[in-house]
Each structure stands twice: as structure tokens, then as C-alpha cells.
């Protein structure tokens, strides 16, 4: 298991923007497939949690980006 984590970390270090873009598209499509499988009864619950998780992950990413952007100015 440690070898897989080390290999993953090495791969992340070697990723370029195209790889990151493809990863995001892949994760987005997996989310769409998951959304198709949700019953009508649970769609509101799943939608709420998806919105909450998306917001909670977007805020730290954007704050880090803005911090780096301000340092470059």
C-alpha cells in the first residue's frame, strides 16, 4: 500500500495542466453517472450534500490561489 501512495505522489509531482484537466473531466463524468443512479426520492438530499461538499472544497482551493496570485503582483 505504501508503494502505491508513493507512486501516486510521484505521479502528481509529474502532472501538467493537461493531466489535471483530464482528471477533472473524469471526476465530473463519474459524478454525472452517480447522479443518474440516484432515485427521485433521494435527489434533494444528494444535491444538498453535493453542493455542500463542492463549496467546502472550492473555498480552500480558491483562497490558496488568491494568496499565490496576490504574492505575484
Protein backbone atom coordinates (compact mmCIF):
# COMPACT_ATOMS: atom_id res chain seq x y z
CA UNK A 1 0.00 0.00 0.00
CA UNK A 2 2.86 2.38 0.81
CA UNK A 3 4.30 1.77 -2.66
CA UNK A 4 1.01 2.79 -4.25
CA UNK A 5 0.88 6.00 -2.22
CA UNK A 6 4.49 6.81 -3.09
CA UNK A 7 3.82 6.12 -6.77
CA UNK A 8 0.74 8.35 -6.62
CA UNK A 9 2.70 11.18 -5.04
CA UNK A 10 5.41 10.86 -7.71
CA UNK A 11 2.77 10.89 -10.43
CA UNK A 12 1.16 14.02 -9.00
CA UNK A 13 4.52 15.79 -8.99
CA UNK A 14 4.95 14.99 -12.69
CA UNK A 15 1.42 16.05 -13.74
CA UNK A 16 0.99 19.01 -16.03
CA UNK A 17 -2.12 21.11 -16.68
CA UNK A 18 -3.46 18.76 -19.34
CA UNK A 19 -3.32 15.84 -16.92
CA UNK A 20 -5.11 17.84 -14.24
CA UNK A 21 -7.78 18.86 -16.74
CA UNK A 22 -8.34 15.27 -17.78
CA UNK A 23 -8.57 14.21 -14.16
CA UNK A 24 -11.22 16.86 -13.50
CA UNK A 25 -13.24 15.79 -16.54
CA UNK A 26 -13.02 12.18 -15.40
CA UNK A 27 -14.23 13.02 -11.90
CA UNK A 28 -17.02 15.16 -13.31
CA UNK A 29 -18.25 12.34 -15.54
CA UNK A 30 -18.14 9.92 -12.60
CA UNK A 31 -20.31 12.38 -10.69
CA UNK A 32 -22.77 12.52 -13.55
CA UNK A 33 -23.01 8.74 -13.68
CA UNK A 34 -23.57 8.65 -9.93
CA UNK A 35 -26.30 11.27 -10.24
CA UNK A 36 -28.12 9.24 -12.87
CA UNK A 37 -28.39 6.32 -10.45
CA UNK A 38 -30.00 8.32 -7.62
CA UNK A 39 -33.72 7.77 -7.10
CA UNK A 40 -36.13 10.72 -7.23
CA UNK A 41 -36.77 10.31 -3.53
CA UNK A 42 -33.11 10.96 -2.64
CA UNK A 43 -32.17 13.56 -5.27
CA UNK A 44 -32.71 16.56 -2.97
CA UNK A 45 -30.59 15.05 -0.19
CA UNK A 46 -27.80 14.11 -2.57
CA UNK A 47 -27.98 17.52 -4.24
CA UNK A 48 -27.66 19.30 -0.91
CA UNK A 49 -24.64 17.23 0.14
CA UNK A 50 -23.00 17.63 -3.28
CA UNK A 51 -23.44 21.41 -3.07
CA UNK A 52 -22.06 21.49 0.47
CA UNK A 53 -19.02 19.35 -0.36
CA UNK A 54 -18.34 21.32 -3.52
CA UNK A 55 -18.45 24.59 -1.61
CA UNK A 56 -16.27 23.26 1.20
CA UNK A 57 -13.61 22.10 -1.27
CA UNK A 58 -13.77 25.16 -3.50
CA UNK A 59 -13.18 27.71 -0.74
CA UNK A 60 -9.74 26.43 0.36
CA UNK A 61 -8.62 25.94 -3.24
CA UNK A 62 -9.62 29.45 -4.24
CA UNK A 63 -8.15 31.03 -1.12
CA UNK A 64 -4.81 29.36 -1.85
CA UNK A 65 -5.00 30.50 -5.47
CA UNK A 66 -5.80 34.08 -4.48
CA UNK A 67 -2.96 34.11 -1.94
CA UNK A 68 -0.50 32.98 -4.62
CA UNK A 69 -1.96 35.46 -7.10
CA UNK A 70 -1.51 38.36 -4.68
CA UNK A 71 2.10 37.34 -4.00
CA UNK A 72 2.87 37.51 -7.72
CA UNK A 73 1.57 41.08 -8.05
